[in-house]
N, C-alpha and C. Protein backbone atom coordinates (compact mmCIF):
# COMPACT_ATOMS: atom_id res chain seq x y z
N MET A 1 0.86 -1.17 0.00
CA MET A 1 0.00 0.00 0.00
C MET A 1 0.90 1.23 0.00
N THR A 2 0.63 2.13 -0.91
CA THR A 2 1.44 3.33 -1.00
C THR A 2 0.88 4.39 -0.05
N ASN A 3 1.65 5.41 0.10
CA ASN A 3 1.22 6.51 0.97
C ASN A 3 -0.05 7.18 0.44
N PHE A 4 -0.16 7.30 -0.86
CA PHE A 4 -1.32 7.96 -1.45
C PHE A 4 -2.60 7.16 -1.21
N SER A 5 -2.53 5.85 -1.40
CA SER A 5 -3.72 5.03 -1.18
C SER A 5 -4.08 4.98 0.31
N ALA A 6 -3.08 5.03 1.17
CA ALA A 6 -3.35 5.10 2.61
C ALA A 6 -4.03 6.42 2.94
N PHE A 7 -3.60 7.49 2.28
CA PHE A 7 -4.21 8.80 2.49
C PHE A 7 -5.68 8.79 2.05
N LEU A 8 -5.96 8.17 0.92
CA LEU A 8 -7.33 8.12 0.42
C LEU A 8 -8.25 7.30 1.32
N LYS A 9 -7.72 6.29 1.99
CA LYS A 9 -8.53 5.43 2.85
C LYS A 9 -8.65 5.97 4.28
N ASP A 10 -7.85 6.96 4.59
CA ASP A 10 -7.86 7.52 5.95
C ASP A 10 -9.14 8.34 6.14
N GLU A 11 -9.88 8.07 7.21
CA GLU A 11 -11.14 8.77 7.47
C GLU A 11 -11.06 9.69 8.68
N SER A 12 -9.89 9.99 9.16
CA SER A 12 -9.78 10.82 10.36
C SER A 12 -10.24 12.26 10.12
N GLY A 13 -10.13 12.77 8.90
CA GLY A 13 -10.58 14.13 8.59
C GLY A 13 -12.08 14.23 8.40
N ALA A 14 -12.76 13.10 8.25
CA ALA A 14 -14.20 13.13 8.02
C ALA A 14 -14.95 13.70 9.22
N VAL A 15 -14.45 13.45 10.41
CA VAL A 15 -15.09 13.97 11.61
C VAL A 15 -15.01 15.50 11.61
N THR A 16 -13.89 16.04 11.17
CA THR A 16 -13.75 17.49 11.10
C THR A 16 -14.75 18.08 10.12
N VAL A 17 -14.94 17.46 8.99
CA VAL A 17 -15.91 17.93 8.01
C VAL A 17 -17.32 17.89 8.61
N ASP A 18 -17.63 16.84 9.33
CA ASP A 18 -18.95 16.74 9.97
C ASP A 18 -19.15 17.89 10.96
N TRP A 19 -18.14 18.19 11.76
CA TRP A 19 -18.27 19.26 12.74
C TRP A 19 -18.40 20.62 12.05
N VAL A 20 -17.71 20.81 10.95
CA VAL A 20 -17.83 22.08 10.22
C VAL A 20 -19.25 22.24 9.68
N VAL A 21 -19.80 21.19 9.13
CA VAL A 21 -21.17 21.25 8.60
C VAL A 21 -22.17 21.49 9.74
N LEU A 22 -22.02 20.79 10.84
CA LEU A 22 -22.93 20.97 11.97
C LEU A 22 -22.82 22.38 12.56
N THR A 23 -21.61 22.88 12.68
CA THR A 23 -21.41 24.22 13.21
C THR A 23 -22.02 25.27 12.28
N ALA A 24 -21.83 25.09 10.98
CA ALA A 24 -22.43 26.03 10.02
C ALA A 24 -23.96 26.00 10.12
N ALA A 25 -24.53 24.83 10.31
CA ALA A 25 -25.98 24.71 10.44
C ALA A 25 -26.47 25.42 11.70
N VAL A 26 -25.76 25.25 12.80
CA VAL A 26 -26.16 25.90 14.06
C VAL A 26 -26.05 27.41 13.93
N VAL A 27 -24.98 27.89 13.33
CA VAL A 27 -24.81 29.34 13.15
C VAL A 27 -25.90 29.89 12.23
N GLY A 28 -26.20 29.17 11.15
CA GLY A 28 -27.26 29.61 10.24
C GLY A 28 -28.61 29.66 10.92
N LEU A 29 -28.94 28.65 11.70
CA LEU A 29 -30.20 28.67 12.43
C LEU A 29 -30.24 29.78 13.47
N GLY A 30 -29.10 30.02 14.12
CA GLY A 30 -29.03 31.11 15.09
C GLY A 30 -29.30 32.46 14.45
N LEU A 31 -28.71 32.68 13.28
CA LEU A 31 -28.95 33.94 12.56
C LEU A 31 -30.40 34.06 12.10
N LEU A 32 -30.96 32.97 11.66
CA LEU A 32 -32.36 32.98 11.24
C LEU A 32 -33.28 33.31 12.41
N ILE A 33 -33.05 32.69 13.54
CA ILE A 33 -33.88 32.94 14.72
C ILE A 33 -33.66 34.36 15.23
N PHE A 34 -32.41 34.83 15.19
CA PHE A 34 -32.12 36.20 15.62
C PHE A 34 -32.90 37.21 14.79
N ASN A 35 -32.92 37.02 13.48
CA ASN A 35 -33.66 37.94 12.62
C ASN A 35 -35.16 37.86 12.85
N TRP A 36 -35.65 36.72 13.29
CA TRP A 36 -37.07 36.55 13.56
C TRP A 36 -37.45 37.17 14.91
N VAL A 37 -36.57 37.09 15.89
CA VAL A 37 -36.87 37.55 17.25
C VAL A 37 -36.52 39.02 17.45
N ARG A 38 -35.59 39.54 16.68
CA ARG A 38 -35.09 40.90 16.89
C ARG A 38 -36.18 41.96 16.91
N PRO A 39 -37.15 41.97 16.00
CA PRO A 39 -38.18 43.03 16.06
C PRO A 39 -39.00 42.99 17.35
N ALA A 40 -39.32 41.80 17.83
CA ALA A 40 -40.10 41.69 19.06
C ALA A 40 -39.30 42.20 20.25
N VAL A 41 -38.03 41.88 20.30
CA VAL A 41 -37.17 42.34 21.41
C VAL A 41 -37.01 43.85 21.34
N SER A 42 -36.86 44.37 20.15
CA SER A 42 -36.73 45.82 19.99
C SER A 42 -37.99 46.54 20.45
N ASN A 43 -39.15 46.03 20.07
CA ASN A 43 -40.42 46.64 20.50
C ASN A 43 -40.57 46.57 22.01
N LEU A 44 -40.19 45.45 22.60
CA LEU A 44 -40.28 45.30 24.05
C LEU A 44 -39.34 46.29 24.74
N ALA A 45 -38.14 46.44 24.22
CA ALA A 45 -37.19 47.39 24.81
C ALA A 45 -37.71 48.82 24.73
N GLU A 46 -38.33 49.17 23.62
CA GLU A 46 -38.90 50.51 23.49
C GLU A 46 -40.06 50.72 24.47
N ALA A 47 -40.88 49.68 24.66
CA ALA A 47 -42.00 49.80 25.60
C ALA A 47 -41.49 49.95 27.03
N ILE A 48 -40.45 49.22 27.38
CA ILE A 48 -39.87 49.35 28.72
C ILE A 48 -39.28 50.74 28.91
N SER A 49 -38.60 51.24 27.87
CA SER A 49 -38.03 52.58 27.95
C SER A 49 -39.10 53.63 28.16
N THR A 50 -40.21 53.49 27.46
CA THR A 50 -41.32 54.44 27.62
C THR A 50 -41.90 54.38 29.03
N GLU A 51 -42.11 53.18 29.55
CA GLU A 51 -42.65 53.03 30.91
C GLU A 51 -41.70 53.63 31.95
N LEU A 52 -40.40 53.39 31.78
CA LEU A 52 -39.44 53.96 32.73
C LEU A 52 -39.41 55.48 32.66
N ALA A 53 -39.50 56.02 31.46
CA ALA A 53 -39.52 57.48 31.31
C ALA A 53 -40.78 58.06 31.95
N ASP A 54 -41.92 57.40 31.76
CA ASP A 54 -43.16 57.87 32.39
C ASP A 54 -43.07 57.80 33.91
N ALA A 55 -42.51 56.73 34.42
CA ALA A 55 -42.37 56.59 35.87
C ALA A 55 -41.42 57.64 36.43
N GLN A 56 -40.34 57.92 35.72
CA GLN A 56 -39.41 58.94 36.19
C GLN A 56 -40.08 60.32 36.19
N ALA A 57 -40.84 60.62 35.13
CA ALA A 57 -41.54 61.92 35.07
C ALA A 57 -42.55 62.03 36.20
N CYS A 58 -43.25 60.95 36.49
CA CYS A 58 -44.24 60.95 37.59
C CYS A 58 -43.54 61.18 38.92
N MET A 59 -42.44 60.52 39.11
CA MET A 59 -41.72 60.66 40.39
C MET A 59 -41.15 62.07 40.56
N GLU A 60 -40.71 62.67 39.46
CA GLU A 60 -40.18 64.03 39.54
C GLU A 60 -41.30 65.05 39.82
N GLN A 61 -42.49 64.82 39.32
CA GLN A 61 -43.58 65.76 39.51
C GLN A 61 -44.26 65.57 40.85
N ASN A 62 -44.38 64.35 41.32
CA ASN A 62 -45.16 64.07 42.52
C ASN A 62 -44.31 63.69 43.72
N ASN A 63 -43.02 63.85 43.65
CA ASN A 63 -42.11 63.49 44.73
C ASN A 63 -42.26 62.04 45.14
N ALA A 64 -42.57 61.18 44.19
CA ALA A 64 -42.65 59.72 44.39
C ALA A 64 -43.75 59.33 45.36
N ALA A 65 -44.74 60.19 45.58
CA ALA A 65 -45.78 59.88 46.55
C ALA A 65 -46.86 58.96 45.98
N THR A 66 -47.22 59.15 44.73
CA THR A 66 -48.33 58.39 44.19
C THR A 66 -47.97 57.56 42.97
N CYS A 67 -46.72 57.41 42.67
CA CYS A 67 -46.32 56.70 41.44
C CYS A 67 -46.21 55.21 41.65
């Protein structure tokens, strides 16, 4: 058996290829989910910001008595 035929029969690199494909799939799914969830998270963050601003304005006007 020559070195070249031994190289062709060697399967030790196949595991690396599998991990690269799996990692690419996980990253792709992560980006897909991120793009799907991002608008909802952005809207929620804006709503929280609005509520905090309203609470701060109330506390500044009423000395935190009724807020």
